[in-house]
């Protein structure tokens, strides 16, 4: 696998991580709004529903991180952060 392929694949991994994070925050936001504003329902759903939705979003994001956040070359955890320049496991340039 050449450098450009690695960078392209890692860019897709980052894009997918951002999508997973967005899902988490979208599902978590109504619960936070309900707590801060003291609202009983958001979109016709109560706080219990949105709390569980936030947990589901967290599970989705953590599942992505555990199973799919990998270096395209060595298939190991590349390190934390979306702005990684190189894999901490194999040293491959990622972006």
Protein backbone atom coordinates (compact mmCIF):
# COMPACT_ATOMS: atom_id res chain seq x y z
CA UNK A 1 0.00 0.00 0.00
CA UNK A 2 1.53 3.31 -1.05
CA UNK A 3 1.48 6.59 0.89
CA UNK A 4 -1.39 8.09 -1.08
CA UNK A 5 -3.60 5.05 -0.54
CA UNK A 6 -2.88 5.12 3.19
CA UNK A 7 -3.72 8.82 3.39
CA UNK A 8 -6.91 8.33 1.39
CA UNK A 9 -8.07 5.42 3.55
CA UNK A 10 -7.26 7.27 6.76
CA UNK A 11 -9.19 10.30 5.50
CA UNK A 12 -12.21 7.99 5.18
CA UNK A 13 -11.64 6.72 8.72
CA UNK A 14 -11.58 10.31 9.97
CA UNK A 15 -14.74 11.16 8.03
CA UNK A 16 -16.52 8.16 9.55
CA UNK A 17 -15.30 9.13 13.03
CA UNK A 18 -16.75 12.60 12.57
CA UNK A 19 -20.07 11.11 11.46
CA UNK A 20 -20.14 8.84 14.52
CA UNK A 21 -19.33 11.80 16.77
CA UNK A 22 -22.07 13.88 15.14
CA UNK A 23 -24.61 11.12 15.74
CA UNK A 24 -23.58 10.99 19.39
CA UNK A 25 -23.91 14.73 19.88
CA UNK A 26 -27.21 14.93 18.00
CA UNK A 27 -28.65 12.22 20.23
CA UNK A 28 -27.18 13.78 23.38
CA UNK A 29 -28.21 17.40 22.77
CA UNK A 30 -31.94 17.08 23.59
CA UNK A 31 -31.10 15.54 26.96
CA UNK A 32 -28.75 18.41 27.78
CA UNK A 33 -31.32 20.99 26.67
CA UNK A 34 -33.95 19.37 28.86
CA UNK A 35 -31.70 19.50 31.91
CA UNK A 36 -30.53 23.08 31.37
CA UNK A 37 -33.87 24.56 30.32
CA UNK A 38 -36.05 22.43 32.58
CA UNK A 39 -38.20 21.27 29.67
CA UNK A 40 -40.30 18.13 30.12
CA UNK A 41 -40.28 16.97 26.50
CA UNK A 42 -38.37 17.53 23.28
CA UNK A 43 -39.99 16.37 20.03
CA UNK A 44 -42.66 14.65 22.10
CA UNK A 45 -40.17 12.48 23.98
CA UNK A 46 -39.29 12.64 27.66
CA UNK A 47 -35.93 12.92 29.36
CA UNK A 48 -35.62 9.17 29.86
CA UNK A 49 -35.89 8.56 26.11
CA UNK A 50 -33.26 11.17 25.26
CA UNK A 51 -30.93 9.94 27.98
CA UNK A 52 -31.09 6.46 26.49
CA UNK A 53 -30.62 7.89 23.00
CA UNK A 54 -27.49 9.68 24.24
CA UNK A 55 -26.18 6.43 25.68
CA UNK A 56 -26.87 4.70 22.36
CA UNK A 57 -24.94 7.43 20.56
CA UNK A 58 -22.05 7.00 22.97
CA UNK A 59 -22.04 3.24 22.36
CA UNK A 60 -21.99 3.85 18.60
CA UNK A 61 -19.05 6.21 18.91
CA UNK A 62 -17.11 3.93 21.24
CA UNK A 63 -17.81 0.95 19.00
CA UNK A 64 -16.41 2.89 16.07
CA UNK A 65 -13.35 3.86 18.06
CA UNK A 66 -12.66 0.34 19.27
CA UNK A 67 -13.36 -1.56 16.07
CA UNK A 68 -12.74 0.84 13.18
CA UNK A 69 -10.21 3.48 14.32
CA UNK A 70 -7.19 1.75 12.84
CA UNK A 71 -4.16 2.59 10.78
CA UNK A 72 -4.81 1.52 7.17
CA UNK A 73 -1.34 0.02 6.91
CA UNK A 74 -0.73 -1.91 10.15
CA UNK A 75 -4.40 -2.22 11.23
CA UNK A 76 -3.52 -1.16 14.79
CA UNK A 77 -4.68 1.78 16.89
CA UNK A 78 -2.95 4.81 15.35
CA UNK A 79 -3.25 7.02 18.42
CA UNK A 80 -5.75 9.59 19.58
CA UNK A 81 -7.03 12.55 17.64
CA UNK A 82 -8.48 13.30 14.25
CA UNK A 83 -5.42 15.31 13.28
CA UNK A 84 -2.86 12.52 13.52
CA UNK A 85 0.13 13.01 11.29
CA UNK A 86 1.52 9.51 11.73
CA UNK A 87 0.62 6.16 13.23
CA UNK A 88 2.08 5.67 16.69
CA UNK A 89 2.32 1.92 16.07
CA UNK A 90 4.12 1.73 12.72
CA UNK A 91 5.15 5.33 12.02
CA UNK A 92 3.30 5.51 8.69
CA UNK A 93 2.38 9.02 7.56
CA UNK A 94 -1.41 9.34 7.81
CA UNK A 95 -2.12 12.88 6.68
